[in-house]
PDB file of N, CA and C in Angstrom:
ATOM      1  N   UNK A   1      24.648  26.632 -22.750  1.00  0.00           N
ATOM      2  CA  UNK A   1      24.357  25.235 -23.013  1.00  0.00           C
ATOM      3  C   UNK A   1      24.189  24.458 -21.714  1.00  0.00           C
ATOM      4  N   UNK A   2      25.048  24.723 -20.717  1.00  0.00           N
ATOM      5  CA  UNK A   2      24.951  24.000 -19.451  1.00  0.00           C
ATOM      6  C   UNK A   2      23.619  24.281 -18.754  1.00  0.00           C
ATOM      7  N   UNK A   3      23.139  25.522 -18.808  1.00  0.00           N
ATOM      8  CA  UNK A   3      21.866  25.853 -18.163  1.00  0.00           C
ATOM      9  C   UNK A   3      20.727  25.057 -18.785  1.00  0.00           C
ATOM     10  N   UNK A   4      20.735  24.909 -20.087  1.00  0.00           N
ATOM     11  CA  UNK A   4      19.698  24.125 -20.760  1.00  0.00           C
ATOM     12  C   UNK A   4      19.744  22.681 -20.306  1.00  0.00           C
ATOM     13  N   UNK A   5      20.933  22.130 -20.175  1.00  0.00           N
ATOM     14  CA  UNK A   5      21.090  20.755 -19.741  1.00  0.00           C
ATOM     15  C   UNK A   5      20.555  20.565 -18.323  1.00  0.00           C
ATOM     16  N   UNK A   6      20.831  21.513 -17.422  1.00  0.00           N
ATOM     17  CA  UNK A   6      20.356  21.428 -16.047  1.00  0.00           C
ATOM     18  C   UNK A   6      18.833  21.464 -16.005  1.00  0.00           C
ATOM     19  N   UNK A   7      18.218  22.354 -16.785  1.00  0.00           N
ATOM     20  CA  UNK A   7      16.768  22.430 -16.816  1.00  0.00           C
ATOM     21  C   UNK A   7      16.145  21.151 -17.348  1.00  0.00           C
ATOM     22  N   UNK A   8      16.729  20.581 -18.368  1.00  0.00           N
ATOM     23  CA  UNK A   8      16.233  19.319 -18.922  1.00  0.00           C
ATOM     24  C   UNK A   8      16.386  18.210 -17.890  1.00  0.00           C
ATOM     25  N   UNK A   9      17.513  18.165 -17.196  1.00  0.00           N
ATOM     26  CA  UNK A   9      17.755  17.131 -16.186  1.00  0.00           C
ATOM     27  C   UNK A   9      16.756  17.253 -15.036  1.00  0.00           C
ATOM     28  N   UNK A  10      16.452  18.472 -14.598  1.00  0.00           N
ATOM     29  CA  UNK A  10      15.480  18.661 -13.521  1.00  0.00           C
ATOM     30  C   UNK A  10      14.092  18.207 -13.942  1.00  0.00           C
ATOM     31  N   UNK A  11      13.698  18.529 -15.156  1.00  0.00           N
ATOM     32  CA  UNK A  11      12.391  18.109 -15.642  1.00  0.00           C
ATOM     33  C   UNK A  11      12.314  16.591 -15.743  1.00  0.00           C
ATOM     34  N   UNK A  12      13.355  15.975 -16.255  1.00  0.00           N
ATOM     35  CA  UNK A  12      13.375  14.519 -16.394  1.00  0.00           C
ATOM     36  C   UNK A  12      13.384  13.818 -15.042  1.00  0.00           C
ATOM     37  N   UNK A  13      13.918  14.473 -14.008  1.00  0.00           N
ATOM     38  CA  UNK A  13      13.993  13.855 -12.687  1.00  0.00           C
ATOM     39  C   UNK A  13      12.659  13.906 -11.959  1.00  0.00           C
ATOM     40  N   UNK A  14      11.662  14.580 -12.506  1.00  0.00           N
ATOM     41  CA  UNK A  14      10.348  14.557 -11.887  1.00  0.00           C
ATOM     42  C   UNK A  14       9.937  15.843 -11.218  1.00  0.00           C
ATOM     43  N   UNK A  15      10.628  16.933 -11.416  1.00  0.00           N
ATOM     44  CA  UNK A  15      10.204  18.203 -10.836  1.00  0.00           C
ATOM     45  C   UNK A  15       8.868  18.603 -11.450  1.00  0.00           C
ATOM     46  N   UNK A  16       8.064  19.265 -10.668  1.00  0.00           N
ATOM     47  CA  UNK A  16       6.767  19.685 -11.165  1.00  0.00           C
ATOM     48  C   UNK A  16       5.780  18.542 -11.135  1.00  0.00           C
ATOM     49  N   UNK A  17       4.748  18.645 -11.936  1.00  0.00           N
ATOM     50  CA  UNK A  17       3.686  17.639 -11.926  1.00  0.00           C
ATOM     51  C   UNK A  17       3.745  16.769 -13.168  1.00  0.00           C
ATOM     52  N   UNK A  18       4.889  16.213 -13.437  1.00  0.00           N
ATOM     53  CA  UNK A  18       5.044  15.332 -14.587  1.00  0.00           C
ATOM     54  C   UNK A  18       4.184  14.091 -14.395  1.00  0.00           C
ATOM     55  N   UNK A  19       3.464  13.637 -15.418  1.00  0.00           N
ATOM     56  CA  UNK A  19       2.556  12.508 -15.267  1.00  0.00           C
ATOM     57  C   UNK A  19       3.269  11.178 -15.031  1.00  0.00           C
ATOM     58  N   UNK A  20       4.559  11.084 -15.275  1.00  0.00           N
ATOM     59  CA  UNK A  20       5.252   9.813 -15.128  1.00  0.00           C
ATOM     60  C   UNK A  20       5.929   9.649 -13.765  1.00  0.00           C
ATOM     61  N   UNK A  21       5.600  10.512 -12.806  1.00  0.00           N
ATOM     62  CA  UNK A  21       6.191  10.407 -11.471  1.00  0.00           C
ATOM     63  C   UNK A  21       5.680   9.129 -10.815  1.00  0.00           C
ATOM     64  N   UNK A  22       6.571   8.344 -10.250  1.00  0.00           N
ATOM     65  CA  UNK A  22       6.209   7.105  -9.579  1.00  0.00           C
ATOM     66  C   UNK A  22       5.649   7.436  -8.197  1.00  0.00           C
ATOM     67  N   UNK A  23       4.318   7.464  -8.085  1.00  0.00           N
ATOM     68  CA  UNK A  23       3.694   7.883  -6.834  1.00  0.00           C
ATOM     69  C   UNK A  23       3.960   6.913  -5.694  1.00  0.00           C
ATOM     70  N   UNK A  24       4.128   5.643  -5.983  1.00  0.00           N
ATOM     71  CA  UNK A  24       4.400   4.714  -4.884  1.00  0.00           C
ATOM     72  C   UNK A  24       5.738   5.032  -4.227  1.00  0.00           C
ATOM     73  N   UNK A  25       6.725   5.431  -4.988  1.00  0.00           N
ATOM     74  CA  UNK A  25       8.013   5.810  -4.407  1.00  0.00           C
ATOM     75  C   UNK A  25       7.865   7.061  -3.552  1.00  0.00           C
ATOM     76  N   UNK A  26       7.073   8.015  -4.000  1.00  0.00           N
ATOM     77  CA  UNK A  26       6.835   9.241  -3.243  1.00  0.00           C
ATOM     78  C   UNK A  26       6.146   8.908  -1.917  1.00  0.00           C
ATOM     79  N   UNK A  27       5.160   8.013  -1.960  1.00  0.00           N
ATOM     80  CA  UNK A  27       4.449   7.613  -0.746  1.00  0.00           C
ATOM     81  C   UNK A  27       5.375   6.868   0.215  1.00  0.00           C
ATOM     82  N   UNK A  28       6.214   6.000  -0.312  1.00  0.00           N
ATOM     83  CA  UNK A  28       7.176   5.271   0.524  1.00  0.00           C
ATOM     84  C   UNK A  28       8.174   6.237   1.149  1.00  0.00           C
ATOM     85  N   UNK A  29       8.651   7.194   0.372  1.00  0.00           N
ATOM     86  CA  UNK A  29       9.588   8.194   0.914  1.00  0.00           C
ATOM     87  C   UNK A  29       8.945   9.010   2.031  1.00  0.00           C
ATOM     88  N   UNK A  30       7.662   9.360   1.879  1.00  0.00           N
ATOM     89  CA  UNK A  30       6.956  10.110   2.927  1.00  0.00           C
ATOM     90  C   UNK A  30       6.836   9.271   4.198  1.00  0.00           C
ATOM     91  N   UNK A  31       6.554   7.985   4.046  1.00  0.00           N
ATOM     92  CA  UNK A  31       6.448   7.096   5.208  1.00  0.00           C
ATOM     93  C   UNK A  31       7.793   6.951   5.912  1.00  0.00           C
ATOM     94  N   UNK A  32       8.851   6.775   5.138  1.00  0.00           N
ATOM     95  CA  UNK A  32      10.197   6.693   5.728  1.00  0.00           C
ATOM     96  C   UNK A  32      10.539   7.965   6.506  1.00  0.00           C
ATOM     97  N   UNK A  33      10.181   9.108   5.922  1.00  0.00           N
ATOM     98  CA  UNK A  33      10.490  10.387   6.567  1.00  0.00           C
ATOM     99  C   UNK A  33       9.771  10.511   7.912  1.00  0.00           C
ATOM    100  N   UNK A  34       8.527  10.017   8.002  1.00  0.00           N
ATOM    101  CA  UNK A  34       7.802  10.066   9.269  1.00  0.00           C
ATOM    102  C   UNK A  34       8.498   9.203  10.321  1.00  0.00           C
ATOM    103  N   UNK A  35       8.928   8.015   9.931  1.00  0.00           N
ATOM    104  CA  UNK A  35       9.640   7.134  10.875  1.00  0.00           C
ATOM    105  C   UNK A  35      10.926   7.800  11.342  1.00  0.00           C
ATOM    106  N   UNK A  36      11.669   8.393  10.425  1.00  0.00           N
ATOM    107  CA  UNK A  36      12.923   9.071  10.792  1.00  0.00           C
ATOM    108  C   UNK A  36      12.681  10.284  11.678  1.00  0.00           C
ATOM    109  N   UNK A  37      11.552  10.962  11.474  1.00  0.00           N
ATOM    110  CA  UNK A  37      11.218  12.129  12.288  1.00  0.00           C
ATOM    111  C   UNK A  37      10.926  11.720  13.735  1.00  0.00           C
ATOM    112  N   UNK A  38      10.341  10.547  13.910  1.00  0.00           N
ATOM    113  CA  UNK A  38       9.909  10.112  15.241  1.00  0.00           C
ATOM    114  C   UNK A  38      10.931   9.235  15.959  1.00  0.00           C
ATOM    115  N   UNK A  39      11.921   8.739  15.254  1.00  0.00           N
ATOM    116  CA  UNK A  39      12.898   7.820  15.834  1.00  0.00           C
ATOM    117  C   UNK A  39      14.302   8.180  15.359  1.00  0.00           C
ATOM    118  N   UNK A  40      15.250   8.104  16.258  1.00  0.00           N
ATOM    119  CA  UNK A  40      16.634   8.369  15.883  1.00  0.00           C
ATOM    120  C   UNK A  40      17.357   7.049  15.639  1.00  0.00           C
ATOM    121  N   UNK A  41      18.432   7.114  14.912  1.00  0.00           N
ATOM    122  CA  UNK A  41      19.295   5.949  14.685  1.00  0.00           C
ATOM    123  C   UNK A  41      18.514   4.750  14.160  1.00  0.00           C
ATOM    124  N   UNK A  42      17.797   4.958  13.075  1.00  0.00           N
ATOM    125  CA  UNK A  42      16.930   3.938  12.507  1.00  0.00           C
ATOM    126  C   UNK A  42      17.647   3.166  11.408  1.00  0.00           C
ATOM    127  N   UNK A  43      17.442   1.867  11.434  1.00  0.00           N
ATOM    128  CA  UNK A  43      17.895   0.983  10.370  1.00  0.00           C
ATOM    129  C   UNK A  43      16.641   0.337   9.779  1.00  0.00           C
ATOM    130  N   UNK A  44      16.341   0.620   8.499  1.00  0.00           N
ATOM    131  CA  UNK A  44      15.151   0.054   7.871  1.00  0.00           C
ATOM    132  C   UNK A  44      15.404  -1.409   7.537  1.00  0.00           C
ATOM    133  N   UNK A  45      14.491  -2.282   7.970  1.00  0.00           N
ATOM    134  CA  UNK A  45      14.610  -3.708   7.713  1.00  0.00           C
ATOM    135  C   UNK A  45      13.712  -4.143   6.565  1.00  0.00           C
ATOM    136  N   UNK A  46      12.522  -3.545   6.484  1.00  0.00           N
ATOM    137  CA  UNK A  46      11.556  -3.897   5.449  1.00  0.00           C
ATOM    138  C   UNK A  46      10.685  -2.684   5.166  1.00  0.00           C
ATOM    139  N   UNK A  47      10.551  -2.349   3.913  1.00  0.00           N
ATOM    140  CA  UNK A  47       9.601  -1.319   3.504  1.00  0.00           C
ATOM    141  C   UNK A  47       8.722  -1.982   2.460  1.00  0.00           C
ATOM    142  N   UNK A  48       7.429  -2.101   2.776  1.00  0.00           N
ATOM    143  CA  UNK A  48       6.513  -2.861   1.941  1.00  0.00           C
ATOM    144  C   UNK A  48       5.285  -2.009   1.653  1.00  0.00           C
ATOM    145  N   UNK A  49       4.941  -1.887   0.425  1.00  0.00           N
ATOM    146  CA  UNK A  49       3.747  -1.112   0.108  1.00  0.00           C
ATOM    147  C   UNK A  49       4.017  -0.196  -1.048  1.00  0.00           C
ATOM    148  N   UNK A  50       3.174   0.721  -1.229  1.00  0.00           N
ATOM    149  CA  UNK A  50       1.967   1.018  -0.467  1.00  0.00           C
ATOM    150  C   UNK A  50       0.796   0.135  -0.868  1.00  0.00           C
ATOM    151  N   UNK A  51      -0.167   0.038   0.027  1.00  0.00           N
ATOM    152  CA  UNK A  51      -1.446  -0.609  -0.260  1.00  0.00           C
ATOM    153  C   UNK A  51      -2.465   0.512  -0.362  1.00  0.00           C
ATOM    154  N   UNK A  52      -2.994   0.724  -1.572  1.00  0.00           N
ATOM    155  CA  UNK A  52      -3.903   1.839  -1.811  1.00  0.00           C
ATOM    156  C   UNK A  52      -5.341   1.441  -1.488  1.00  0.00           C
ATOM    157  N   UNK A  53      -6.008   2.290  -0.722  1.00  0.00           N
ATOM    158  CA  UNK A  53      -7.413   2.123  -0.370  1.00  0.00           C
ATOM    159  C   UNK A  53      -7.910   3.472   0.138  1.00  0.00           C
ATOM    160  N   UNK A  54      -9.161   3.804  -0.128  1.00  0.00           N
ATOM    161  CA  UNK A  54      -9.738   5.061   0.362  1.00  0.00           C
ATOM    162  C   UNK A  54     -10.159   4.849   1.813  1.00  0.00           C
ATOM    163  N   UNK A  55      -9.345   5.314   2.730  1.00  0.00           N
ATOM    164  CA  UNK A  55      -9.571   5.085   4.154  1.00  0.00           C
ATOM    165  C   UNK A  55     -10.104   6.377   4.765  1.00  0.00           C
ATOM    166  N   UNK A  56     -11.388   6.398   5.171  1.00  0.00           N
ATOM    167  CA  UNK A  56     -11.982   7.647   5.654  1.00  0.00           C
ATOM    168  C   UNK A  56     -11.429   8.104   7.000  1.00  0.00           C
ATOM    169  N   UNK A  57     -11.118   7.181   7.886  1.00  0.00           N
ATOM    170  CA  UNK A  57     -10.530   7.527   9.182  1.00  0.00           C
ATOM    171  C   UNK A  57      -9.439   6.510   9.488  1.00  0.00           C
ATOM    172  N   UNK A  58      -8.239   7.002   9.678  1.00  0.00           N
ATOM    173  CA  UNK A  58      -7.123   6.110   9.965  1.00  0.00           C
ATOM    174  C   UNK A  58      -7.110   5.763  11.450  1.00  0.00           C
ATOM    175  N   UNK A  59      -6.616   4.572  11.763  1.00  0.00           N
ATOM    176  CA  UNK A  59      -6.372   4.239  13.159  1.00  0.00           C
ATOM    177  C   UNK A  59      -4.993   4.764  13.489  1.00  0.00           C
ATOM    178  N   UNK A  60      -4.794   5.163  14.738  1.00  0.00           N
ATOM    179  CA  UNK A  60      -3.559   5.871  15.041  1.00  0.00           C
ATOM    180  C   UNK A  60      -2.875   5.337  16.283  1.00  0.00           C
ATOM    181  N   UNK A  61      -1.561   5.503  16.280  1.00  0.00           N
ATOM    182  CA  UNK A  61      -0.719   5.248  17.440  1.00  0.00           C
ATOM    183  C   UNK A  61      -0.919   3.908  18.102  1.00  0.00           C
ATOM    184  N   UNK A  62      -0.335   3.757  19.240  1.00  0.00           N
ATOM    185  CA  UNK A  62      -0.380   2.490  19.965  1.00  0.00           C
ATOM    186  C   UNK A  62      -1.770   2.184  20.510  1.00  0.00           C
ATOM    187  N   UNK A  63      -2.593   3.205  20.740  1.00  0.00           N
ATOM    188  CA  UNK A  63      -3.920   2.959  21.286  1.00  0.00           C
ATOM    189  C   UNK A  63      -4.911   2.518  20.210  1.00  0.00           C
ATOM    190  N   UNK A  64      -4.543   2.665  18.947  1.00  0.00           N
ATOM    191  CA  UNK A  64      -5.376   2.268  17.812  1.00  0.00           C
ATOM    192  C   UNK A  64      -6.742   2.953  17.826  1.00  0.00           C
ATOM    193  N   UNK A  65      -6.799   4.208  18.263  1.00  0.00           N
ATOM    194  CA  UNK A  65      -8.040   4.970  18.210  1.00  0.00           C
ATOM    195  C   UNK A  65      -8.224   5.526  16.803  1.00  0.00           C
ATOM    196  N   UNK A  66      -9.461   5.841  16.440  1.00  0.00           N
ATOM    197  CA  UNK A  66      -9.719   6.418  15.129  1.00  0.00           C
ATOM    198  C   UNK A  66      -9.413   7.905  15.142  1.00  0.00           C
ATOM    199  N   UNK A  67      -8.771   8.375  14.112  1.00  0.00           N
ATOM    200  CA  UNK A  67      -8.455   9.795  13.967  1.00  0.00           C
ATOM    201  C   UNK A  67      -9.376  10.397  12.913  1.00  0.00           C
ATOM    202  N   UNK A  68      -9.505  11.696  12.918  1.00  0.00           N
ATOM    203  CA  UNK A  68     -10.305  12.377  11.908  1.00  0.00           C
ATOM    204  C   UNK A  68      -9.475  12.690  10.675  1.00  0.00           C
ATOM    205  N   UNK A  69      -8.591  11.810  10.327  1.00  0.00           N
ATOM    206  CA  UNK A  69      -7.736  11.983   9.157  1.00  0.00           C
ATOM    207  C   UNK A  69      -8.057  10.873   8.169  1.00  0.00           C
ATOM    208  N   UNK A  70      -8.009  11.208   6.910  1.00  0.00           N
ATOM    209  CA  UNK A  70      -8.210  10.186   5.896  1.00  0.00           C
ATOM    210  C   UNK A  70      -6.863   9.857   5.258  1.00  0.00           C
ATOM    211  N   UNK A  71      -6.800   8.720   4.617  1.00  0.00           N
ATOM    212  CA  UNK A  71      -5.566   8.300   3.955  1.00  0.00           C
ATOM    213  C   UNK A  71      -5.896   7.651   2.625  1.00  0.00           C
ATOM    214  N   UNK A  72      -4.930   7.693   1.743  1.00  0.00           N
ATOM    215  CA  UNK A  72      -5.074   7.043   0.444  1.00  0.00           C
ATOM    216  C   UNK A  72      -4.351   5.706   0.416  1.00  0.00           C
ATOM    217  N   UNK A  73      -3.417   5.524   1.362  1.00  0.00           N
ATOM    218  CA  UNK A  73      -2.688   4.265   1.386  1.00  0.00           C
ATOM    219  C   UNK A  73      -2.016   4.057   2.735  1.00  0.00           C
ATOM    220  N   UNK A  74      -1.592   2.831   2.935  1.00  0.00           N
ATOM    221  CA  UNK A  74      -0.769   2.477   4.074  1.00  0.00           C
ATOM    222  C   UNK A  74       0.531   1.895   3.571  1.00  0.00           C
ATOM    223  N   UNK A  75       1.620   2.198   4.250  1.00  0.00           N
ATOM    224  CA  UNK A  75       2.939   1.658   3.906  1.00  0.00           C
ATOM    225  C   UNK A  75       3.460   0.936   5.140  1.00  0.00           C
ATOM    226  N   UNK A  76       3.840  -0.329   4.976  1.00  0.00           N
ATOM    227  CA  UNK A  76       4.393  -1.086   6.097  1.00  0.00           C
ATOM    228  C   UNK A  76       5.889  -0.834   6.180  1.00  0.00           C
ATOM    229  N   UNK A  77       6.340  -0.476   7.384  1.00  0.00           N
ATOM    230  CA  UNK A  77       7.768  -0.265   7.594  1.00  0.00           C
ATOM    231  C   UNK A  77       8.188  -0.994   8.870  1.00  0.00           C
ATOM    232  N   UNK A  78       9.111  -1.921   8.709  1.00  0.00           N
ATOM    233  CA  UNK A  78       9.709  -2.582   9.871  1.00  0.00           C
ATOM    234  C   UNK A  78      11.114  -2.016  10.002  1.00  0.00           C
ATOM    235  N   UNK A  79      11.461  -1.615  11.220  1.00  0.00           N
ATOM    236  CA  UNK A  79      12.747  -0.958  11.421  1.00  0.00           C
ATOM    237  C   UNK A  79      13.329  -1.341  12.769  1.00  0.00           C
ATOM    238  N   UNK A  80      14.606  -1.099  12.888  1.00  0.00           N
ATOM    239  CA  UNK A  80      15.332  -1.316  14.139  1.00  0.00           C
ATOM    240  C   UNK A  80      15.883   0.031  14.572  1.00  0.00           C
ATOM    241  N   UNK A  81      15.653   0.373  15.842  1.00  0.00           N
ATOM    242  CA  UNK A  81      16.164   1.625  16.385  1.00  0.00           C
ATOM    243  C   UNK A  81      17.222   1.314  17.428  1.00  0.00           C
ATOM    244  N   UNK A  82      18.382   1.938  17.268  1.00  0.00           N
ATOM    245  CA  UNK A  82      19.488   1.783  18.213  1.00  0.00           C
ATOM    246  C   UNK A  82      19.526   3.038  19.076  1.00  0.00           C
ATOM    247  N   UNK A  83      19.409   2.857  20.386  1.00  0.00           N
ATOM    248  CA  UNK A  83      19.393   3.998  21.299  1.00  0.00           C
ATOM    249  C   UNK A  83      20.219   3.637  22.527  1.00  0.00           C
ATOM    250  N   UNK A  84      21.369   4.271  22.667  1.00  0.00           N
ATOM    251  CA  UNK A  84      22.310   4.006  23.762  1.00  0.00           C
ATOM    252  C   UNK A  84      22.620   2.517  23.854  1.00  0.00           C
ATOM    253  N   UNK A  85      22.180   1.861  24.915  1.00  0.00           N
ATOM    254  CA  UNK A  85      22.534   0.446  25.109  1.00  0.00           C
ATOM    255  C   UNK A  85      21.419  -0.519  24.728  1.00  0.00           C
ATOM    256  N   UNK A  86      20.421  -0.052  24.049  1.00  0.00           N
ATOM    257  CA  UNK A  86      19.322  -0.946  23.696  1.00  0.00           C
ATOM    258  C   UNK A  86      18.998  -0.848  22.214  1.00  0.00           C
ATOM    259  N   UNK A  87      18.398  -1.912  21.718  1.00  0.00           N
ATOM    260  CA  UNK A  87      17.954  -1.967  20.334  1.00  0.00           C
ATOM    261  C   UNK A  87      16.505  -2.450  20.338  1.00  0.00           C
ATOM    262  N   UNK A  88      15.651  -1.718  19.635  1.00  0.00           N
ATOM    263  CA  UNK A  88      14.237  -2.060  19.567  1.00  0.00           C
ATOM    264  C   UNK A  88      13.866  -2.269  18.105  1.00  0.00           C
ATOM    265  N   UNK A  89      13.128  -3.343  17.829  1.00  0.00           N
ATOM    266  CA  UNK A  89      12.604  -3.588  16.491  1.00  0.00           C
ATOM    267  C   UNK A  89      11.107  -3.334  16.527  1.00  0.00           C
ATOM    268  N   UNK A  90      10.614  -2.599  15.528  1.00  0.00           N
ATOM    269  CA  UNK A  90       9.198  -2.265  15.489  1.00  0.00           C
ATOM    270  C   UNK A  90       8.674  -2.434  14.071  1.00  0.00           C
ATOM    271  N   UNK A  91       7.366  -2.573  13.957  1.00  0.00           N
ATOM    272  CA  UNK A  91       6.691  -2.812  12.687  1.00  0.00           C
ATOM    273  C   UNK A  91       5.475  -1.888  12.648  1.00  0.00           C
ATOM    274  N   UNK A  92       5.461  -0.916  11.726  1.00  0.00           N
ATOM    275  CA  UNK A  92       4.403   0.087  11.656  1.00  0.00           C
ATOM    276  C   UNK A  92       3.702   0.054  10.307  1.00  0.00           C
ATOM    277  N   UNK A  93       2.461   0.504  10.328  1.00  0.00           N
ATOM    278  CA  UNK A  93       1.769   0.912   9.106  1.00  0.00           C
ATOM    279  C   UNK A  93       1.710   2.428   9.173  1.00  0.00           C
ATOM    280  N   UNK A  94       2.276   3.087   8.184  1.00  0.00           N
ATOM    281  CA  UNK A  94       2.274   4.550   8.119  1.00  0.00           C
ATOM    282  C   UNK A  94       1.190   4.957   7.130  1.00  0.00           C
ATOM    283  N   UNK A  95       0.302   5.842   7.575  1.00  0.00           N
ATOM    284  CA  UNK A  95      -0.806   6.319   6.746  1.00  0.00           C
ATOM    285  C   UNK A  95      -0.359   7.528   5.939  1.00  0.00           C
ATOM    286  N   UNK A  96      -0.619   7.478   4.617  1.00  0.00           N
ATOM    287  CA  UNK A  96      -0.204   8.531   3.691  1.00  0.00           C
ATOM    288  C   UNK A  96      -1.434   9.051   2.960  1.00  0.00           C
ATOM    289  N   UNK A  97      -1.549  10.379   2.865  1.00  0.00           N
ATOM    290  CA  UNK A  97      -2.700  11.009   2.215  1.00  0.00           C
ATOM    291  C   UNK A  97      -2.569  10.988   0.696  1.00  0.00           C
ATOM    292  N   UNK A  98      -3.633  11.405   0.040  1.00  0.00           N
ATOM    293  CA  UNK A  98      -3.635  11.482  -1.416  1.00  0.00           C
ATOM    294  C   UNK A  98      -2.639  12.479  -1.966  1.00  0.00           C
ATOM    295  N   UNK A  99      -2.242  13.464  -1.149  1.00  0.00           N
ATOM    296  CA  UNK A  99      -1.225  14.415  -1.605  1.00  0.00           C
ATOM    297  C   UNK A  99       0.167  14.017  -1.104  1.00  0.00           C
ATOM    298  N   UNK A 100       0.342  12.747  -0.785  1.00  0.00           N
ATOM    299  CA  UNK A 100       1.642  12.128  -0.502  1.00  0.00           C
ATOM    300  C   UNK A 100       2.309  12.647   0.767  1.00  0.00           C
ATOM    301  N   UNK A 101       1.505  12.892   1.799  1.00  0.00           N
ATOM    302  CA  UNK A 101       2.045  13.307   3.091  1.00  0.00           C
ATOM    303  C   UNK A 101       1.716  12.234   4.124  1.00  0.00           C
ATOM    304  N   UNK A 102       2.715  11.809   4.862  1.00  0.00           N
ATOM    305  CA  UNK A 102       2.484  10.843   5.933  1.00  0.00           C
ATOM    306  C   UNK A 102       1.833  11.580   7.097  1.00  0.00           C
ATOM    307  N   UNK A 103       0.689  11.077   7.578  1.00  0.00           N
ATOM    308  CA  UNK A 103      -0.056  11.794   8.610  1.00  0.00           C
ATOM    309  C   UNK A 103      -0.068  11.088   9.950  1.00  0.00           C
ATOM    310  N   UNK A 104       0.142   9.785   9.986  1.00  0.00           N
ATOM    311  CA  UNK A 104       0.094   9.068  11.249  1.00  0.00           C
ATOM    312  C   UNK A 104       0.617   7.656  11.040  1.00  0.00           C
ATOM    313  N   UNK A 105       0.651   6.899  12.122  1.00  0.00           N
ATOM    314  CA  UNK A 105       1.142   5.526  12.063  1.00  0.00           C
ATOM    315  C   UNK A 105       0.362   4.672  13.046  1.00  0.00           C
ATOM    316  N   UNK A 106       0.455   3.371  12.843  1.00  0.00           N
ATOM    317  CA  UNK A 106      -0.166   2.396  13.719  1.00  0.00           C
ATOM    318  C   UNK A 106       0.795   1.227  13.843  1.00  0.00           C
ATOM    319  N   UNK A 107       1.012   0.750  15.048  1.00  0.00           N
ATOM    320  CA  UNK A 107       1.783  -0.476  15.205  1.00  0.00           C
ATOM    321  C   UNK A 107       1.079  -1.563  14.416  1.00  0.00           C
ATOM    322  N   UNK A 108       1.787  -2.293  13.607  1.00  0.00           N
ATOM    323  CA  UNK A 108       1.180  -3.263  12.688  1.00  0.00           C
ATOM    324  C   UNK A 108       0.524  -4.403  13.466  1.00  0.00           C
ATOM    325  N   UNK A 109      -0.823  -4.442  13.517  1.00  0.00           N
ATOM    326  CA  UNK A 109      -1.511  -5.468  14.287  1.00  0.00           C
ATOM    327  C   UNK A 109      -1.633  -6.804  13.563  1.00  0.00           C
ATOM    328  N   UNK A 110      -1.334  -6.819  12.270  1.00  0.00           N
ATOM    329  CA  UNK A 110      -1.635  -8.000  11.464  1.00  0.00           C
ATOM    330  C   UNK A 110      -0.422  -8.721  10.890  1.00  0.00           C
ATOM    331  N   UNK A 111       0.790  -8.236  11.145  1.00  0.00           N
ATOM    332  CA  UNK A 111       1.971  -8.907  10.597  1.00  0.00           C
ATOM    333  C   UNK A 111       1.949  -8.924   9.082  1.00  0.00           C
ATOM    334  N   UNK A 112       2.151 -10.082   8.486  1.00  0.00           N
ATOM    335  CA  UNK A 112       2.210 -10.188   7.032  1.00  0.00           C
ATOM    336  C   UNK A 112       0.854 -10.042   6.355  1.00  0.00           C
ATOM    337  N   UNK A 113      -0.232 -10.025   7.119  1.00  0.00           N
ATOM    338  CA  UNK A 113      -1.574  -9.818   6.557  1.00  0.00           C
ATOM    339  C   UNK A 113      -1.989  -8.351   6.617  1.00  0.00           C
ATOM    340  N   UNK A 114      -1.027  -7.462   6.682  1.00  0.00           N
ATOM    341  CA  UNK A 114      -1.312  -6.036   6.844  1.00  0.00           C
ATOM    342  C   UNK A 114      -2.084  -5.456   5.671  1.00  0.00           C
ATOM    343  N   UNK A 115      -1.849  -5.943   4.465  1.00  0.00           N
ATOM    344  CA  UNK A 115      -2.554  -5.406   3.291  1.00  0.00           C
ATOM    345  C   UNK A 115      -4.072  -5.630   3.412  1.00  0.00           C
ATOM    346  N   UNK A 116      -4.466  -6.820   3.854  1.00  0.00           N
ATOM    347  CA  UNK A 116      -5.887  -7.111   4.043  1.00  0.00           C
ATOM    348  C   UNK A 116      -6.471  -6.190   5.124  1.00  0.00           C
ATOM    349  N   UNK A 117      -5.689  -5.921   6.168  1.00  0.00           N
ATOM    350  CA  UNK A 117      -6.142  -5.029   7.221  1.00  0.00           C
ATOM    351  C   UNK A 117      -6.391  -3.621   6.679  1.00  0.00           C
ATOM    352  N   UNK A 118      -5.458  -3.103   5.877  1.00  0.00           N
ATOM    353  CA  UNK A 118      -5.623  -1.772   5.284  1.00  0.00           C
ATOM    354  C   UNK A 118      -6.877  -1.737   4.404  1.00  0.00           C
ATOM    355  N   UNK A 119      -7.061  -2.745   3.584  1.00  0.00           N
ATOM    356  CA  UNK A 119      -8.247  -2.780   2.712  1.00  0.00           C
ATOM    357  C   UNK A 119      -9.537  -2.870   3.528  1.00  0.00           C
ATOM    358  N   UNK A 120      -9.488  -3.528   4.689  1.00  0.00           N
ATOM    359  CA  UNK A 120     -10.698  -3.669   5.519  1.00  0.00           C
ATOM    360  C   UNK A 120     -11.140  -2.329   6.098  1.00  0.00           C
ATOM    361  N   UNK A 121     -10.241  -1.350   6.186  1.00  0.00           N
ATOM    362  CA  UNK A 121     -10.592  -0.030   6.711  1.00  0.00           C
ATOM    363  C   UNK A 121     -11.166   0.902   5.650  1.00  0.00           C
ATOM    364  N   UNK A 122     -11.118   0.474   4.393  1.00  0.00           N
ATOM    365  CA  UNK A 122     -11.547   1.321   3.280  1.00  0.00           C
ATOM    366  C   UNK A 122     -13.062   1.478   3.260  1.00  0.00           C
ATOM    367  N   UNK A 123     -13.496   2.580   2.620  1.00  0.00           N
ATOM    368  CA  UNK A 123     -14.932   2.803   2.421  1.00  0.00           C
ATOM    369  C   UNK A 123     -15.498   1.661   1.610  1.00  0.00           C
ATOM    370  N   UNK A 124     -16.651   1.268   1.981  1.00  0.00           N
ATOM    371  CA  UNK A 124     -17.345   0.199   1.211  1.00  0.00           C
ATOM    372  C   UNK A 124     -18.206   0.833   0.159  1.00  0.00           C
TER     373      UNK A 124
END
């Protein structure tokens, strides 16, 4: 009986390709994971998004050059990083693919107008 309950609980929690999986949460989790991978001692201040748009080439990193990567959405993440005796606050747009993998980031050039910026990069 317990094994049946565990299998039912796993299915209900979203294992596999259940149609009711909240994709925005998956995309946000992927964006958070990228920030955590690149920065230690992170405190998330704001996670906003995702903003869905078919973006053929994402802008990347601090230089804002175009990459040969496409994205399905951007997720805005503002965070504070504590490192030894200093604290840095940063604001990024993390690019997430259609298969829910974070592929790159861009320092947020637009502040609170970031959604319009993401949509402006989409295919016309």
